[in-house]
């Protein structure tokens, strides 16, 4: 799993994070985000 899309945001703004899966199809997995 490789995350991307982070960075600096402003209060009230938006960001979109991505999680790319390699090795196996992501369709076989339940996915989650933690922080």
ModelCIF file with pLDDT and N, C-alpha, C, O atoms, coordinates in Angstrom:
data_MODEL
#
_entry.id   MODEL 
#
_entity.id                         1 
_entity.type                       polymer 
_entity.pdbx_number_of_molecules   1 
#
_entity_poly.entity_id                      1 
_entity_poly.type                           'polypeptide(L)' 
_entity_poly.nstd_linkage                   no 
_entity_poly.nstd_monomer                   no 
_entity_poly.pdbx_seq_one_letter_code       
;(UNK)(UNK)(UNK)(UNK)(UNK)(UNK)(UNK)(UNK)(UNK)(UNK)(UNK)(UNK)(UNK)(UNK)(UNK)(UNK)
(UNK)(UNK)(UNK)(UNK)(UNK)(UNK)(UNK)(UNK)(UNK)(UNK)(UNK)(UNK)(UNK)(UNK)(UNK)(UNK)
(UNK)(UNK)(UNK)
;
_entity_poly.pdbx_seq_one_letter_code_can   XXXXXXXXXXXXXXXXXXXXXXXXXXXXXXXXXXX 
_entity_poly.pdbx_strand_id                 A 
#
loop_
_entity_poly_seq.entity_id 
_entity_poly_seq.num 
_entity_poly_seq.mon_id 
_entity_poly_seq.hetero 
1 1  UNK n 
1 2  UNK n 
1 3  UNK n 
1 4  UNK n 
1 5  UNK n 
1 6  UNK n 
1 7  UNK n 
1 8  UNK n 
1 9  UNK n 
1 10 UNK n 
1 11 UNK n 
1 12 UNK n 
1 13 UNK n 
1 14 UNK n 
1 15 UNK n 
1 16 UNK n 
1 17 UNK n 
1 18 UNK n 
1 19 UNK n 
1 20 UNK n 
1 21 UNK n 
1 22 UNK n 
1 23 UNK n 
1 24 UNK n 
1 25 UNK n 
1 26 UNK n 
1 27 UNK n 
1 28 UNK n 
1 29 UNK n 
1 30 UNK n 
1 31 UNK n 
1 32 UNK n 
1 33 UNK n 
1 34 UNK n 
1 35 UNK n 
#
_struct_asym.id          A 
_struct_asym.entity_id   1 
#
loop_
_ma_qa_metric.id 
_ma_qa_metric.mode 
_ma_qa_metric.name 
_ma_qa_metric.software_group_id 
_ma_qa_metric.type 
1 global pLDDT . pLDDT 
2 local  pLDDT . pLDDT 
#
_ma_qa_metric_global.metric_id      1 
_ma_qa_metric_global.metric_value   93.37 
_ma_qa_metric_global.model_id       1 
_ma_qa_metric_global.ordinal_id     1 
#
loop_
_ma_qa_metric_local.label_asym_id 
_ma_qa_metric_local.label_comp_id 
_ma_qa_metric_local.label_seq_id 
_ma_qa_metric_local.metric_id 
_ma_qa_metric_local.metric_value 
_ma_qa_metric_local.model_id 
_ma_qa_metric_local.ordinal_id 
A UNK 1  2 95.00 1 1  
A UNK 2  2 95.00 1 2  
A UNK 3  2 97.00 1 3  
A UNK 4  2 96.00 1 4  
A UNK 5  2 96.00 1 5  
A UNK 6  2 94.00 1 6  
A UNK 7  2 96.00 1 7  
A UNK 8  2 97.00 1 8  
A UNK 9  2 96.00 1 9  
A UNK 10 2 97.00 1 10 
A UNK 11 2 97.00 1 11 
A UNK 12 2 97.00 1 12 
A UNK 13 2 97.00 1 13 
A UNK 14 2 97.00 1 14 
A UNK 15 2 98.00 1 15 
A UNK 16 2 97.00 1 16 
A UNK 17 2 98.00 1 17 
A UNK 18 2 96.00 1 18 
A UNK 19 2 95.00 1 19 
A UNK 20 2 93.00 1 20 
A UNK 21 2 90.00 1 21 
A UNK 22 2 86.00 1 22 
A UNK 23 2 82.00 1 23 
A UNK 24 2 78.00 1 24 
A UNK 25 2 77.00 1 25 
A UNK 26 2 82.00 1 26 
A UNK 27 2 87.00 1 27 
A UNK 28 2 89.00 1 28 
A UNK 29 2 93.00 1 29 
A UNK 30 2 95.00 1 30 
A UNK 31 2 96.00 1 31 
A UNK 32 2 97.00 1 32 
A UNK 33 2 97.00 1 33 
A UNK 34 2 98.00 1 34 
A UNK 35 2 97.00 1 35 
#
loop_
_atom_site.group_PDB 
_atom_site.id 
_atom_site.type_symbol 
_atom_site.label_atom_id 
_atom_site.label_alt_id 
_atom_site.label_comp_id 
_atom_site.label_asym_id 
_atom_site.label_entity_id 
_atom_site.label_seq_id 
_atom_site.pdbx_PDB_ins_code 
_atom_site.Cartn_x 
_atom_site.Cartn_y 
_atom_site.Cartn_z 
_atom_site.occupancy 
_atom_site.B_iso_or_equiv 
_atom_site.pdbx_formal_charge 
_atom_site.auth_seq_id 
_atom_site.auth_comp_id 
_atom_site.auth_asym_id 
_atom_site.auth_atom_id 
_atom_site.pdbx_PDB_model_num 
ATOM 1   N N  . UNK A 1 1  ? 0.846   -1.192 0.000  1.00 95.00 ? 1  UNK A N  1 
ATOM 2   C CA . UNK A 1 1  ? 0.000   0.000  0.000  1.00 95.00 ? 1  UNK A CA 1 
ATOM 3   C C  . UNK A 1 1  ? 0.879   1.240  0.000  1.00 95.00 ? 1  UNK A C  1 
ATOM 4   O O  . UNK A 1 1  ? 1.849   1.332  0.753  1.00 95.00 ? 1  UNK A O  1 
ATOM 5   N N  . UNK A 1 2  ? 0.526   2.187  -0.853 1.00 95.00 ? 2  UNK A N  1 
ATOM 6   C CA . UNK A 1 2  ? 1.273   3.438  -0.925 1.00 95.00 ? 2  UNK A CA 1 
ATOM 7   C C  . UNK A 1 2  ? 0.280   4.587  -0.922 1.00 95.00 ? 2  UNK A C  1 
ATOM 8   O O  . UNK A 1 2  ? -0.557  4.709  -1.816 1.00 95.00 ? 2  UNK A O  1 
ATOM 9   N N  . UNK A 1 3  ? 0.387   5.421  0.094  1.00 97.00 ? 3  UNK A N  1 
ATOM 10  C CA . UNK A 1 3  ? -0.477  6.590  0.193  1.00 97.00 ? 3  UNK A CA 1 
ATOM 11  C C  . UNK A 1 3  ? 0.153   7.787  -0.518 1.00 97.00 ? 3  UNK A C  1 
ATOM 12  O O  . UNK A 1 3  ? 1.375   7.898  -0.619 1.00 97.00 ? 3  UNK A O  1 
ATOM 13  N N  . UNK A 1 4  ? -0.688  8.658  -0.996 1.00 96.00 ? 4  UNK A N  1 
ATOM 14  C CA . UNK A 1 4  ? -0.233  9.908  -1.592 1.00 96.00 ? 4  UNK A CA 1 
ATOM 15  C C  . UNK A 1 4  ? -1.334  10.946 -1.432 1.00 96.00 ? 4  UNK A C  1 
ATOM 16  O O  . UNK A 1 4  ? -2.462  10.632 -1.053 1.00 96.00 ? 4  UNK A O  1 
ATOM 17  N N  . UNK A 1 5  ? -0.978  12.185 -1.730 1.00 96.00 ? 5  UNK A N  1 
ATOM 18  C CA . UNK A 1 5  ? -1.970  13.250 -1.711 1.00 96.00 ? 5  UNK A CA 1 
ATOM 19  C C  . UNK A 1 5  ? -1.967  14.112 -0.477 1.00 96.00 ? 5  UNK A C  1 
ATOM 20  O O  . UNK A 1 5  ? -2.716  15.085 -0.398 1.00 96.00 ? 5  UNK A O  1 
ATOM 21  N N  . UNK A 1 6  ? -1.142  13.776 0.483  1.00 94.00 ? 6  UNK A N  1 
ATOM 22  C CA . UNK A 1 6  ? -1.062  14.604 1.669  1.00 94.00 ? 6  UNK A CA 1 
ATOM 23  C C  . UNK A 1 6  ? -0.343  15.913 1.379  1.00 94.00 ? 6  UNK A C  1 
ATOM 24  O O  . UNK A 1 6  ? 0.157   16.137 0.276  1.00 94.00 ? 6  UNK A O  1 
ATOM 25  N N  . UNK A 1 7  ? -0.303  16.754 2.371  1.00 96.00 ? 7  UNK A N  1 
ATOM 26  C CA . UNK A 1 7  ? 0.367   18.043 2.211  1.00 96.00 ? 7  UNK A CA 1 
ATOM 27  C C  . UNK A 1 7  ? -0.237  19.060 3.138  1.00 96.00 ? 7  UNK A C  1 
ATOM 28  O O  . UNK A 1 7  ? -0.824  18.731 4.169  1.00 96.00 ? 7  UNK A O  1 
ATOM 29  N N  . UNK A 1 8  ? -0.079  20.294 2.750  1.00 97.00 ? 8  UNK A N  1 
ATOM 30  C CA . UNK A 1 8  ? -0.557  21.397 3.568  1.00 97.00 ? 8  UNK A CA 1 
ATOM 31  C C  . UNK A 1 8  ? -1.919  21.852 3.073  1.00 97.00 ? 8  UNK A C  1 
ATOM 32  O O  . UNK A 1 8  ? -2.093  22.145 1.890  1.00 97.00 ? 8  UNK A O  1 
ATOM 33  N N  . UNK A 1 9  ? -2.885  21.910 3.984  1.00 96.00 ? 9  UNK A N  1 
ATOM 34  C CA . UNK A 1 9  ? -4.204  22.416 3.660  1.00 96.00 ? 9  UNK A CA 1 
ATOM 35  C C  . UNK A 1 9  ? -4.588  23.536 4.593  1.00 96.00 ? 9  UNK A C  1 
ATOM 36  O O  . UNK A 1 9  ? -3.980  23.716 5.648  1.00 96.00 ? 9  UNK A O  1 
ATOM 37  N N  . UNK A 1 10 ? -5.574  24.270 4.212  1.00 97.00 ? 10 UNK A N  1 
ATOM 38  C CA . UNK A 1 10 ? -6.062  25.358 5.047  1.00 97.00 ? 10 UNK A CA 1 
ATOM 39  C C  . UNK A 1 10 ? -7.372  24.963 5.715  1.00 97.00 ? 10 UNK A C  1 
ATOM 40  O O  . UNK A 1 10 ? -8.148  24.174 5.175  1.00 97.00 ? 10 UNK A O  1 
ATOM 41  N N  . UNK A 1 11 ? -7.598  25.512 6.872  1.00 97.00 ? 11 UNK A N  1 
ATOM 42  C CA . UNK A 1 11 ? -8.859  25.256 7.554  1.00 97.00 ? 11 UNK A CA 1 
ATOM 43  C C  . UNK A 1 11 ? -10.018 25.623 6.635  1.00 97.00 ? 11 UNK A C  1 
ATOM 44  O O  . UNK A 1 11 ? -10.051 26.697 6.035  1.00 97.00 ? 11 UNK A O  1 
ATOM 45  N N  . UNK A 1 12 ? -10.958 24.705 6.547  1.00 97.00 ? 12 UNK A N  1 
ATOM 46  C CA . UNK A 1 12 ? -12.098 24.897 5.666  1.00 97.00 ? 12 UNK A CA 1 
ATOM 47  C C  . UNK A 1 12 ? -11.889 24.374 4.255  1.00 97.00 ? 12 UNK A C  1 
ATOM 48  O O  . UNK A 1 12 ? -12.831 24.297 3.466  1.00 97.00 ? 12 UNK A O  1 
ATOM 49  N N  . UNK A 1 13 ? -10.664 24.018 3.947  1.00 97.00 ? 13 UNK A N  1 
ATOM 50  C CA . UNK A 1 13 ? -10.348 23.529 2.621  1.00 97.00 ? 13 UNK A CA 1 
ATOM 51  C C  . UNK A 1 13 ? -10.505 22.032 2.487  1.00 97.00 ? 13 UNK A C  1 
ATOM 52  O O  . UNK A 1 13 ? -11.102 21.371 3.336  1.00 97.00 ? 13 UNK A O  1 
ATOM 53  N N  . UNK A 1 14 ? -9.951  21.505 1.392  1.00 97.00 ? 14 UNK A N  1 
ATOM 54  C CA . UNK A 1 14 ? -10.109 20.080 1.077  1.00 97.00 ? 14 UNK A CA 1 
ATOM 55  C C  . UNK A 1 14 ? -8.787  19.490 0.608  1.00 97.00 ? 14 UNK A C  1 
ATOM 56  O O  . UNK A 1 14 ? -7.931  20.183 0.059  1.00 97.00 ? 14 UNK A O  1 
ATOM 57  N N  . UNK A 1 15 ? -8.652  18.215 0.837  1.00 98.00 ? 15 UNK A N  1 
ATOM 58  C CA . UNK A 1 15 ? -7.556  17.420 0.294  1.00 98.00 ? 15 UNK A CA 1 
ATOM 59  C C  . UNK A 1 15 ? -8.115  16.065 -0.097 1.00 98.00 ? 15 UNK A C  1 
ATOM 60  O O  . UNK A 1 15 ? -9.124  15.621 0.451  1.00 98.00 ? 15 UNK A O  1 
ATOM 61  N N  . UNK A 1 16 ? -7.468  15.416 -1.033 1.00 97.00 ? 16 UNK A N  1 
ATOM 62  C CA . UNK A 1 16 ? -7.839  14.040 -1.371 1.00 97.00 ? 16 UNK A CA 1 
ATOM 63  C C  . UNK A 1 16 ? -6.614  13.157 -1.277 1.00 97.00 ? 16 UNK A C  1 
ATOM 64  O O  . UNK A 1 16 ? -5.601  13.402 -1.931 1.00 97.00 ? 16 UNK A O  1 
ATOM 65  N N  . UNK A 1 17 ? -6.718  12.150 -0.473 1.00 98.00 ? 17 UNK A N  1 
ATOM 66  C CA . UNK A 1 17 ? -5.658  11.166 -0.313 1.00 98.00 ? 17 UNK A CA 1 
ATOM 67  C C  . UNK A 1 17 ? -5.967  9.952  -1.161 1.00 98.00 ? 17 UNK A C  1 
ATOM 68  O O  . UNK A 1 17 ? -7.126  9.587  -1.353 1.00 98.00 ? 17 UNK A O  1 
ATOM 69  N N  . UNK A 1 18 ? -4.916  9.333  -1.663 1.00 96.00 ? 18 UNK A N  1 
ATOM 70  C CA . UNK A 1 18 ? -5.057  8.112  -2.450 1.00 96.00 ? 18 UNK A CA 1 
ATOM 71  C C  . UNK A 1 18 ? -4.247  7.003  -1.814 1.00 96.00 ? 18 UNK A C  1 
ATOM 72  O O  . UNK A 1 18 ? -3.210  7.237  -1.194 1.00 96.00 ? 18 UNK A O  1 
ATOM 73  N N  . UNK A 1 19 ? -4.743  5.798  -1.982 1.00 95.00 ? 19 UNK A N  1 
ATOM 74  C CA . UNK A 1 19 ? -4.030  4.614  -1.510 1.00 95.00 ? 19 UNK A CA 1 
ATOM 75  C C  . UNK A 1 19 ? -3.958  3.649  -2.672 1.00 95.00 ? 19 UNK A C  1 
ATOM 76  O O  . UNK A 1 19 ? -4.971  3.092  -3.095 1.00 95.00 ? 19 UNK A O  1 
ATOM 77  N N  . UNK A 1 20 ? -2.770  3.454  -3.180 1.00 93.00 ? 20 UNK A N  1 
ATOM 78  C CA . UNK A 1 20 ? -2.572  2.541  -4.301 1.00 93.00 ? 20 UNK A CA 1 
ATOM 79  C C  . UNK A 1 20 ? -2.155  1.181  -3.785 1.00 93.00 ? 20 UNK A C  1 
ATOM 80  O O  . UNK A 1 20 ? -1.287  1.071  -2.919 1.00 93.00 ? 20 UNK A O  1 
ATOM 81  N N  . UNK A 1 21 ? -2.774  0.155  -4.317 1.00 90.00 ? 21 UNK A N  1 
ATOM 82  C CA . UNK A 1 21 ? -2.487  -1.209 -3.915 1.00 90.00 ? 21 UNK A CA 1 
ATOM 83  C C  . UNK A 1 21 ? -1.743  -1.914 -5.035 1.00 90.00 ? 21 UNK A C  1 
ATOM 84  O O  . UNK A 1 21 ? -2.085  -1.768 -6.209 1.00 90.00 ? 21 UNK A O  1 
ATOM 85  N N  . UNK A 1 22 ? -0.740  -2.667 -4.673 1.00 86.00 ? 22 UNK A N  1 
ATOM 86  C CA . UNK A 1 22 ? -0.043  -3.473 -5.663 1.00 86.00 ? 22 UNK A CA 1 
ATOM 87  C C  . UNK A 1 22 ? 0.193   -4.858 -5.096 1.00 86.00 ? 22 UNK A C  1 
ATOM 88  O O  . UNK A 1 22 ? 0.241   -5.043 -3.880 1.00 86.00 ? 22 UNK A O  1 
ATOM 89  N N  . UNK A 1 23 ? 0.337   -5.814 -5.969 1.00 82.00 ? 23 UNK A N  1 
ATOM 90  C CA . UNK A 1 23 ? 0.584   -7.179 -5.540 1.00 82.00 ? 23 UNK A CA 1 
ATOM 91  C C  . UNK A 1 23 ? -0.634  -8.067 -5.614 1.00 82.00 ? 23 UNK A C  1 
ATOM 92  O O  . UNK A 1 23 ? -0.535  -9.228 -6.011 1.00 82.00 ? 23 UNK A O  1 
ATOM 93  N N  . UNK A 1 24 ? -1.767  -7.546 -5.244 1.00 78.00 ? 24 UNK A N  1 
ATOM 94  C CA . UNK A 1 24 ? -3.024  -8.274 -5.319 1.00 78.00 ? 24 UNK A CA 1 
ATOM 95  C C  . UNK A 1 24 ? -4.114  -7.280 -5.679 1.00 78.00 ? 24 UNK A C  1 
ATOM 96  O O  . UNK A 1 24 ? -3.964  -6.090 -5.402 1.00 78.00 ? 24 UNK A O  1 
ATOM 97  N N  . UNK A 1 25 ? -5.193  -7.721 -6.280 1.00 77.00 ? 25 UNK A N  1 
ATOM 98  C CA . UNK A 1 25 ? -6.283  -6.786 -6.587 1.00 77.00 ? 25 UNK A CA 1 
ATOM 99  C C  . UNK A 1 25 ? -6.887  -6.200 -5.326 1.00 77.00 ? 25 UNK A C  1 
ATOM 100 O O  . UNK A 1 25 ? -7.185  -6.919 -4.373 1.00 77.00 ? 25 UNK A O  1 
ATOM 101 N N  . UNK A 1 26 ? -7.061  -4.906 -5.331 1.00 82.00 ? 26 UNK A N  1 
ATOM 102 C CA . UNK A 1 26 ? -7.628  -4.258 -4.141 1.00 82.00 ? 26 UNK A CA 1 
ATOM 103 C C  . UNK A 1 26 ? -9.063  -4.696 -3.904 1.00 82.00 ? 26 UNK A C  1 
ATOM 104 O O  . UNK A 1 26 ? -9.585  -4.542 -2.800 1.00 82.00 ? 26 UNK A O  1 
ATOM 105 N N  . UNK A 1 27 ? -9.712  -5.246 -4.942 1.00 87.00 ? 27 UNK A N  1 
ATOM 106 C CA . UNK A 1 27 ? -11.102 -5.659 -4.802 1.00 87.00 ? 27 UNK A CA 1 
ATOM 107 C C  . UNK A 1 27 ? -11.276 -6.795 -3.804 1.00 87.00 ? 27 UNK A C  1 
ATOM 108 O O  . UNK A 1 27 ? -12.397 -7.061 -3.370 1.00 87.00 ? 27 UNK A O  1 
ATOM 109 N N  . UNK A 1 28 ? -10.202 -7.465 -3.433 1.00 89.00 ? 28 UNK A N  1 
ATOM 110 C CA . UNK A 1 28 ? -10.279 -8.564 -2.472 1.00 89.00 ? 28 UNK A CA 1 
ATOM 111 C C  . UNK A 1 28 ? -10.192 -8.094 -1.030 1.00 89.00 ? 28 UNK A C  1 
ATOM 112 O O  . UNK A 1 28 ? -10.267 -8.906 -0.107 1.00 89.00 ? 28 UNK A O  1 
ATOM 113 N N  . UNK A 1 29 ? -10.035 -6.800 -0.828 1.00 93.00 ? 29 UNK A N  1 
ATOM 114 C CA . UNK A 1 29 ? -9.722  -6.273 0.486  1.00 93.00 ? 29 UNK A CA 1 
ATOM 115 C C  . UNK A 1 29 ? -10.747 -5.265 0.977  1.00 93.00 ? 29 UNK A C  1 
ATOM 116 O O  . UNK A 1 29 ? -11.225 -4.422 0.218  1.00 93.00 ? 29 UNK A O  1 
ATOM 117 N N  . UNK A 1 30 ? -11.075 -5.364 2.249  1.00 95.00 ? 30 UNK A N  1 
ATOM 118 C CA . UNK A 1 30 ? -11.690 -4.229 2.926  1.00 95.00 ? 30 UNK A CA 1 
ATOM 119 C C  . UNK A 1 30 ? -10.565 -3.246 3.209  1.00 95.00 ? 30 UNK A C  1 
ATOM 120 O O  . UNK A 1 30 ? -9.456  -3.645 3.564  1.00 95.00 ? 30 UNK A O  1 
ATOM 121 N N  . UNK A 1 31 ? -10.853 -1.972 3.053  1.00 96.00 ? 31 UNK A N  1 
ATOM 122 C CA . UNK A 1 31 ? -9.838  -0.944 3.196  1.00 96.00 ? 31 UNK A CA 1 
ATOM 123 C C  . UNK A 1 31 ? -10.255 0.040  4.283  1.00 96.00 ? 31 UNK A C  1 
ATOM 124 O O  . UNK A 1 31 ? -11.438 0.204  4.582  1.00 96.00 ? 31 UNK A O  1 
ATOM 125 N N  . UNK A 1 32 ? -9.260  0.680  4.857  1.00 97.00 ? 32 UNK A N  1 
ATOM 126 C CA . UNK A 1 32 ? -9.559  1.651  5.902  1.00 97.00 ? 32 UNK A CA 1 
ATOM 127 C C  . UNK A 1 32 ? -8.502  2.737  5.919  1.00 97.00 ? 32 UNK A C  1 
ATOM 128 O O  . UNK A 1 32 ? -7.390  2.567  5.418  1.00 97.00 ? 32 UNK A O  1 
ATOM 129 N N  . UNK A 1 33 ? -8.877  3.834  6.499  1.00 97.00 ? 33 UNK A N  1 
ATOM 130 C CA . UNK A 1 33 ? -7.949  4.918  6.771  1.00 97.00 ? 33 UNK A CA 1 
ATOM 131 C C  . UNK A 1 33 ? -7.903  5.156  8.282  1.00 97.00 ? 33 UNK A C  1 
ATOM 132 O O  . UNK A 1 33 ? -8.928  5.231  8.959  1.00 97.00 ? 33 UNK A O  1 
ATOM 133 N N  . UNK A 1 34 ? -6.685  5.268  8.771  1.00 98.00 ? 34 UNK A N  1 
ATOM 134 C CA . UNK A 1 34 ? -6.437  5.627  10.154 1.00 98.00 ? 34 UNK A CA 1 
ATOM 135 C C  . UNK A 1 34 ? -5.555  6.863  10.154 1.00 98.00 ? 34 UNK A C  1 
ATOM 136 O O  . UNK A 1 34 ? -4.957  7.212  9.136  1.00 98.00 ? 34 UNK A O  1 
ATOM 137 N N  . UNK A 1 35 ? -5.478  7.510  11.280 1.00 97.00 ? 35 UNK A N  1 
ATOM 138 C CA . UNK A 1 35 ? -4.594  8.649  11.380 1.00 97.00 ? 35 UNK A CA 1 
ATOM 139 C C  . UNK A 1 35 ? -3.965  8.714  12.751 1.00 97.00 ? 35 UNK A C  1 
ATOM 140 O O  . UNK A 1 35 ? -3.178  9.620  13.027 1.00 97.00 ? 35 UNK A O  1 
#
